[in-house]
């Protein structure tokens, strides 16, 4: 079974105590969302349908959030 790791995006305000490094704000489809890095999950690859835009431009901030999640700094 093929799986992928995903982190949910929530609208700004849905995560009232968002930590800046752990939960970066990302622009998706013209709206600002918070990446809920601490809610990473492995799911079956076919269970997720791509509905967003390419976040390659946010790569560094996403990796910083993952580093913070796993190492604490």
N, C-alpha and C. Protein backbone atom coordinates (compact mmCIF):
# COMPACT_ATOMS: atom_id res chain seq x y z
N UNK A 1 0.85 -1.18 0.00
CA UNK A 1 0.00 0.00 0.00
C UNK A 1 0.89 1.24 0.00
N UNK A 2 0.63 2.13 -0.91
CA UNK A 2 1.36 3.39 -0.96
C UNK A 2 0.70 4.40 -0.03
N UNK A 3 1.53 5.12 0.70
CA UNK A 3 0.98 6.15 1.58
C UNK A 3 1.77 7.44 1.40
N UNK A 4 1.16 8.52 1.83
CA UNK A 4 1.80 9.84 1.80
C UNK A 4 1.60 10.48 3.16
N UNK A 5 2.43 11.44 3.48
CA UNK A 5 2.31 12.18 4.73
C UNK A 5 1.72 13.55 4.39
N UNK A 6 0.70 13.92 5.14
CA UNK A 6 0.02 15.18 4.90
C UNK A 6 -0.08 15.97 6.20
N UNK A 7 -0.19 17.27 6.07
CA UNK A 7 -0.46 18.16 7.20
C UNK A 7 -1.66 19.01 6.80
N UNK A 8 -2.66 19.08 7.65
CA UNK A 8 -3.85 19.85 7.27
C UNK A 8 -3.60 21.35 7.25
N UNK A 9 -4.40 22.02 6.45
CA UNK A 9 -4.44 23.48 6.41
C UNK A 9 -5.77 23.91 7.02
N UNK A 10 -5.73 24.92 7.86
CA UNK A 10 -6.94 25.45 8.48
C UNK A 10 -7.03 26.93 8.16
N UNK A 11 -8.23 27.46 8.04
CA UNK A 11 -8.37 28.91 7.83
C UNK A 11 -7.79 29.67 9.02
N UNK A 12 -7.27 30.84 8.76
CA UNK A 12 -6.76 31.68 9.84
C UNK A 12 -7.89 31.89 10.83
N UNK A 13 -7.60 31.77 12.11
CA UNK A 13 -8.61 31.92 13.14
C UNK A 13 -9.08 30.58 13.68
N UNK A 14 -8.94 29.52 12.90
CA UNK A 14 -9.35 28.19 13.36
C UNK A 14 -8.36 27.61 14.36
N UNK A 15 -7.16 28.15 14.38
CA UNK A 15 -6.11 27.71 15.30
C UNK A 15 -5.67 28.94 16.08
N UNK A 16 -6.42 29.32 17.13
CA UNK A 16 -6.19 30.60 17.80
C UNK A 16 -4.82 30.77 18.45
N UNK A 17 -4.20 29.68 18.88
CA UNK A 17 -2.90 29.79 19.55
C UNK A 17 -1.78 29.27 18.66
N UNK A 18 -1.84 29.57 17.39
CA UNK A 18 -0.84 29.08 16.44
C UNK A 18 0.54 29.62 16.78
N UNK A 19 1.52 28.73 16.79
CA UNK A 19 2.92 29.11 17.01
C UNK A 19 3.51 29.49 15.64
N UNK A 20 4.14 30.61 15.56
CA UNK A 20 4.61 31.15 14.28
C UNK A 20 5.48 30.17 13.50
N UNK A 21 6.48 29.57 14.15
CA UNK A 21 7.38 28.67 13.42
C UNK A 21 6.75 27.32 13.14
N UNK A 22 5.94 26.84 14.06
CA UNK A 22 5.30 25.53 13.90
C UNK A 22 4.13 25.59 12.94
N UNK A 23 3.44 26.71 12.94
CA UNK A 23 2.21 26.86 12.15
C UNK A 23 2.29 28.08 11.23
N UNK A 24 3.10 27.99 10.18
CA UNK A 24 3.21 29.15 9.27
C UNK A 24 1.92 29.40 8.52
N UNK A 25 1.69 30.66 8.23
CA UNK A 25 0.54 31.04 7.41
C UNK A 25 0.95 30.95 5.95
N UNK A 26 0.10 30.30 5.15
CA UNK A 26 0.39 30.08 3.75
C UNK A 26 -0.78 30.56 2.90
N UNK A 27 -0.47 31.15 1.78
CA UNK A 27 -1.51 31.57 0.84
C UNK A 27 -1.90 30.41 -0.06
N UNK A 28 -3.18 30.05 -0.05
CA UNK A 28 -3.68 28.96 -0.87
C UNK A 28 -4.97 29.42 -1.54
N UNK A 29 -4.99 29.39 -2.84
CA UNK A 29 -6.18 29.78 -3.61
C UNK A 29 -6.69 31.16 -3.22
N UNK A 30 -5.77 32.09 -3.00
CA UNK A 30 -6.14 33.46 -2.69
C UNK A 30 -6.58 33.70 -1.26
N UNK A 31 -6.46 32.70 -0.40
CA UNK A 31 -6.85 32.84 1.00
C UNK A 31 -5.67 32.43 1.89
N UNK A 32 -5.63 32.98 3.08
CA UNK A 32 -4.56 32.64 4.01
C UNK A 32 -5.01 31.50 4.91
N UNK A 33 -4.17 30.49 5.00
CA UNK A 33 -4.41 29.32 5.84
C UNK A 33 -3.22 29.11 6.78
N UNK A 34 -3.46 28.37 7.84
CA UNK A 34 -2.41 28.00 8.79
C UNK A 34 -2.09 26.53 8.58
N UNK A 35 -0.81 26.21 8.46
CA UNK A 35 -0.37 24.83 8.34
C UNK A 35 -0.32 24.22 9.74
N UNK A 36 -1.09 23.17 9.98
CA UNK A 36 -1.15 22.54 11.30
C UNK A 36 -0.14 21.39 11.30
N UNK A 37 1.12 21.76 11.40
CA UNK A 37 2.23 20.81 11.28
C UNK A 37 2.14 19.69 12.32
N UNK A 38 1.70 20.01 13.52
CA UNK A 38 1.64 19.01 14.59
C UNK A 38 0.57 17.95 14.35
N UNK A 39 -0.22 18.10 13.30
CA UNK A 39 -1.25 17.12 12.97
C UNK A 39 -0.85 16.28 11.75
N UNK A 40 0.45 16.13 11.51
CA UNK A 40 0.92 15.28 10.42
C UNK A 40 0.29 13.90 10.52
N UNK A 41 -0.02 13.32 9.37
CA UNK A 41 -0.60 11.98 9.36
C UNK A 41 -0.21 11.27 8.08
N UNK A 42 -0.05 9.97 8.17
CA UNK A 42 0.15 9.15 6.98
C UNK A 42 -1.21 8.64 6.54
N UNK A 43 -1.49 8.80 5.26
CA UNK A 43 -2.77 8.34 4.70
C UNK A 43 -2.51 7.58 3.41
N UNK A 44 -3.46 6.76 3.03
CA UNK A 44 -3.36 6.04 1.77
C UNK A 44 -3.33 7.07 0.65
N UNK A 45 -2.43 6.90 -0.29
CA UNK A 45 -2.23 7.89 -1.35
C UNK A 45 -3.51 8.20 -2.11
N UNK A 46 -4.34 7.23 -2.35
CA UNK A 46 -5.57 7.45 -3.09
C UNK A 46 -6.66 8.15 -2.30
N UNK A 47 -6.45 8.34 -0.99
CA UNK A 47 -7.47 8.96 -0.14
C UNK A 47 -7.45 10.48 -0.22
N UNK A 48 -6.42 11.04 -0.83
CA UNK A 48 -6.28 12.50 -0.87
C UNK A 48 -6.38 12.96 -2.31
N UNK A 49 -7.22 13.94 -2.53
CA UNK A 49 -7.35 14.53 -3.85
C UNK A 49 -6.71 15.91 -3.82
N UNK A 50 -5.83 16.19 -4.75
CA UNK A 50 -5.17 17.48 -4.81
C UNK A 50 -6.19 18.56 -5.16
N UNK A 51 -6.31 19.56 -4.27
CA UNK A 51 -7.26 20.63 -4.51
C UNK A 51 -6.65 22.01 -4.31
N UNK A 52 -5.38 22.06 -4.13
CA UNK A 52 -4.75 23.34 -3.85
C UNK A 52 -3.87 23.80 -4.98
N UNK A 53 -2.94 24.63 -4.62
CA UNK A 53 -1.97 25.09 -5.60
C UNK A 53 -0.60 24.65 -5.15
N UNK A 54 0.36 24.81 -5.99
CA UNK A 54 1.71 24.40 -5.70
C UNK A 54 2.30 25.32 -4.62
N UNK A 55 2.77 24.73 -3.53
CA UNK A 55 3.35 25.49 -2.43
C UNK A 55 4.87 25.48 -2.45
N UNK A 56 5.45 25.21 -3.61
CA UNK A 56 6.91 25.18 -3.73
C UNK A 56 7.55 26.47 -3.22
N UNK A 57 6.90 27.60 -3.44
CA UNK A 57 7.47 28.88 -2.99
C UNK A 57 7.50 28.98 -1.46
N UNK A 58 6.75 28.13 -0.77
CA UNK A 58 6.71 28.12 0.70
C UNK A 58 7.57 27.01 1.28
N UNK A 59 8.36 26.35 0.44
CA UNK A 59 9.14 25.18 0.84
C UNK A 59 9.99 25.43 2.08
N UNK A 60 10.73 26.52 2.11
CA UNK A 60 11.62 26.78 3.24
C UNK A 60 10.84 26.92 4.55
N UNK A 61 9.72 27.61 4.52
CA UNK A 61 8.92 27.79 5.74
C UNK A 61 8.28 26.47 6.19
N UNK A 62 7.89 25.63 5.23
CA UNK A 62 7.32 24.34 5.57
C UNK A 62 8.39 23.45 6.20
N UNK A 63 9.58 23.44 5.63
CA UNK A 63 10.68 22.65 6.18
C UNK A 63 11.07 23.17 7.57
N UNK A 64 11.08 24.48 7.76
CA UNK A 64 11.36 25.04 9.10
C UNK A 64 10.32 24.56 10.10
N UNK A 65 9.06 24.50 9.70
CA UNK A 65 8.00 24.02 10.60
C UNK A 65 8.22 22.54 10.94
N UNK A 66 8.60 21.74 9.96
CA UNK A 66 8.89 20.33 10.21
C UNK A 66 10.10 20.17 11.12
N UNK A 67 11.15 20.94 10.88
CA UNK A 67 12.32 20.91 11.75
C UNK A 67 11.94 21.25 13.18
N UNK A 68 11.11 22.27 13.35
CA UNK A 68 10.69 22.67 14.68
C UNK A 68 9.88 21.56 15.34
N UNK A 69 9.01 20.90 14.57
CA UNK A 69 8.20 19.81 15.11
C UNK A 69 9.08 18.66 15.61
N UNK A 70 10.07 18.28 14.80
CA UNK A 70 10.88 17.12 15.13
C UNK A 70 12.06 17.39 16.06
N UNK A 71 12.60 18.61 16.01
CA UNK A 71 13.79 18.88 16.82
C UNK A 71 13.57 19.94 17.90
N UNK A 72 12.53 20.72 17.79
CA UNK A 72 12.26 21.74 18.79
C UNK A 72 12.95 23.06 18.56
N UNK A 73 13.68 23.17 17.45
CA UNK A 73 14.32 24.44 17.10
C UNK A 73 14.56 24.53 15.62
